[in-house]
Structures are given as structure tokens and as C-alpha cells.
Amino acid sequence: EIAEANAAREAGAEELRRATEAAQAASAREGEHVERYRRVEEELRETGAALEALLKEKSKHLDEREHLVDRRLVTSTLSQCLEHIASGQRALAEQVLSQTLQ
């Protein structure tokens, strides 16, 4: 009977040791998952901030682009004006400039 009790105690101790090891391993894995989740959250915040900055930059660029003047248009208009002035058609040159400035 004592031998059976000792064997049962040893079996219980072994089972407790295995359960403790399993719990420690699970705790370590949980810690790894928590750390990975924290890194993913941080990366998500950084990505969101970068996206927001890019959207603001794009919006600013589009707003500024609306006010840009096409160099070809300006060159063409000035060329026409010079041609009209050179041919003595100053009134026509003034008309081209007036229409361009509207």
C-alpha cells in the first residue's frame, strides 16, 4: 500500500511537472503573440500616418496645380502678340492679351 501511494505521488508529481512546463511554454508563446500584436499595431499607426501625409501632399499638389499656367500656352500667346505687333496689328495683339488674361 505504501509503495502504491509513493508511485501515485510520483506519478502526480510528474504530471504536475509536465503541466507546469506546458503552462510556461504557453505563457512564453502568449508573450510572443502580445509582442507581435504590439509591433503590428505600431506599424499600422505609422502606415496610417504616412498615408495621411501622402494624402495631404497630394491634395496640396492638386490645389497648386490648379493655379499653374501651361508654358506652351504662354509661349504661344506671346508669340502671337509679337507677330501681330511686328505686322503692325497692335490692336489685334492687345485683343489677344486681353482674352488671355480673362
Protein backbone atom coordinates (compact mmCIF):
# COMPACT_ATOMS: atom_id res chain seq x y z
CA GLU A 1 0.00 0.00 0.00
CA ILE A 2 2.85 2.44 0.77
CA ALA A 3 4.52 1.54 -2.50
CA GLU A 4 1.28 2.24 -4.35
CA ALA A 5 0.92 5.58 -2.56
CA ASN A 6 4.54 6.51 -3.41
CA ALA A 7 4.01 5.50 -7.06
CA ALA A 8 0.80 7.56 -7.20
CA ARG A 9 2.60 10.53 -5.60
CA GLU A 10 5.47 10.25 -8.08
CA ALA A 11 3.02 9.96 -10.99
CA GLY A 12 1.17 13.03 -9.70
CA ALA A 13 4.45 14.94 -9.33
CA GLU A 14 5.44 14.01 -12.90
CA GLU A 15 2.04 15.07 -14.19
CA LEU A 16 2.37 18.36 -12.27
CA ARG A 17 5.85 18.94 -13.76
CA ARG A 18 4.56 18.34 -17.31
CA ALA A 19 1.58 20.62 -16.70
CA THR A 20 3.89 23.32 -15.31
CA GLU A 21 6.18 23.05 -18.34
CA ALA A 22 3.18 23.24 -20.69
CA ALA A 23 1.88 26.32 -18.85
CA GLN A 24 5.29 28.00 -19.03
CA ALA A 25 5.54 27.25 -22.77
CA ALA A 26 2.03 28.62 -23.32
CA SER A 27 2.89 31.72 -21.34
CA ALA A 28 6.03 32.26 -23.45
CA ARG A 29 4.03 31.86 -26.67
CA GLU A 30 1.43 34.28 -25.35
CA GLY A 31 4.18 36.82 -24.63
CA GLU A 32 5.48 36.40 -28.19
CA HIS A 33 1.97 36.94 -29.58
CA VAL A 34 1.42 40.01 -27.44
CA GLU A 35 4.73 41.49 -28.64
CA ARG A 36 3.92 40.68 -32.27
CA TYR A 37 0.49 42.29 -31.86
CA ARG A 38 2.11 45.40 -30.35
CA ARG A 39 4.52 45.66 -33.31
CA VAL A 40 1.67 45.23 -35.81
CA GLU A 41 -0.33 47.96 -34.07
CA GLU A 42 2.69 50.29 -34.17
CA GLU A 43 3.30 49.54 -37.85
CA LEU A 44 -0.38 50.19 -38.55
CA ARG A 45 -0.19 53.59 -36.81
CA GLU A 46 2.97 54.50 -38.76
CA THR A 47 1.41 53.39 -42.05
CA GLY A 48 -1.72 55.40 -41.30
CA ALA A 49 0.35 58.49 -40.51
CA ALA A 50 2.39 58.05 -43.71
CA LEU A 51 -0.78 57.62 -45.75
CA GLU A 52 -2.30 60.74 -44.20
CA ALA A 53 0.85 62.73 -45.01
CA LEU A 54 0.81 61.49 -48.61
CA LEU A 55 -2.86 62.39 -49.00
CA LYS A 56 -2.21 65.89 -47.66
CA GLU A 57 0.75 66.29 -50.01
CA LYS A 58 -1.33 65.10 -52.96
CA SER A 59 -4.15 67.47 -52.06
CA LYS A 60 -1.71 70.37 -51.80
CA HIS A 61 -0.14 69.43 -55.13
CA LEU A 62 -3.56 69.27 -56.83
CA ASP A 63 -4.55 72.63 -55.31
CA GLU A 64 -1.32 74.22 -56.56
CA ARG A 65 -1.62 72.55 -59.96
CA GLU A 66 -4.95 74.26 -60.49
CA HIS A 67 -3.14 77.61 -60.43
CA LEU A 68 -0.26 76.61 -62.71
CA VAL A 69 0.00 78.13 -66.16
CA ASP A 70 0.88 75.99 -69.14
CA ARG A 71 4.19 77.24 -70.50
CA ARG A 72 3.19 76.29 -74.06
CA LEU A 73 0.07 78.46 -73.83
CA VAL A 74 2.05 81.46 -72.58
CA THR A 75 4.74 80.98 -75.24
CA SER A 76 2.14 80.65 -77.99
CA THR A 77 0.22 83.73 -76.82
CA LEU A 78 3.34 85.87 -76.58
CA SER A 79 4.48 84.65 -79.98
CA GLN A 80 1.14 85.64 -81.49
CA CYS A 81 1.34 89.06 -79.86
CA LEU A 82 4.85 89.65 -81.21
CA GLU A 83 3.73 88.60 -84.69
CA HIS A 84 0.75 90.96 -84.56
CA ILE A 85 2.91 93.84 -83.32
CA ALA A 86 5.57 93.13 -85.95
CA SER A 87 2.92 93.22 -88.69
CA GLY A 88 1.52 96.50 -87.38
CA GLN A 89 -1.62 94.97 -85.86
CA ARG A 90 -1.22 96.35 -82.35
CA ALA A 91 -4.98 96.29 -81.71
CA LEU A 92 -5.08 92.58 -82.51
CA ALA A 93 -2.13 91.96 -80.16
CA GLU A 94 -3.95 93.83 -77.38
CA GLN A 95 -7.09 91.79 -78.07
CA VAL A 96 -5.12 88.51 -77.77
CA LEU A 97 -3.61 89.68 -74.47
CA SER A 98 -6.98 90.78 -73.12
CA GLN A 99 -8.61 87.46 -73.96
CA THR A 100 -5.69 85.56 -72.45
CA LEU A 101 -5.85 87.50 -69.19
CA GLN A 102 -9.57 86.86 -68.70
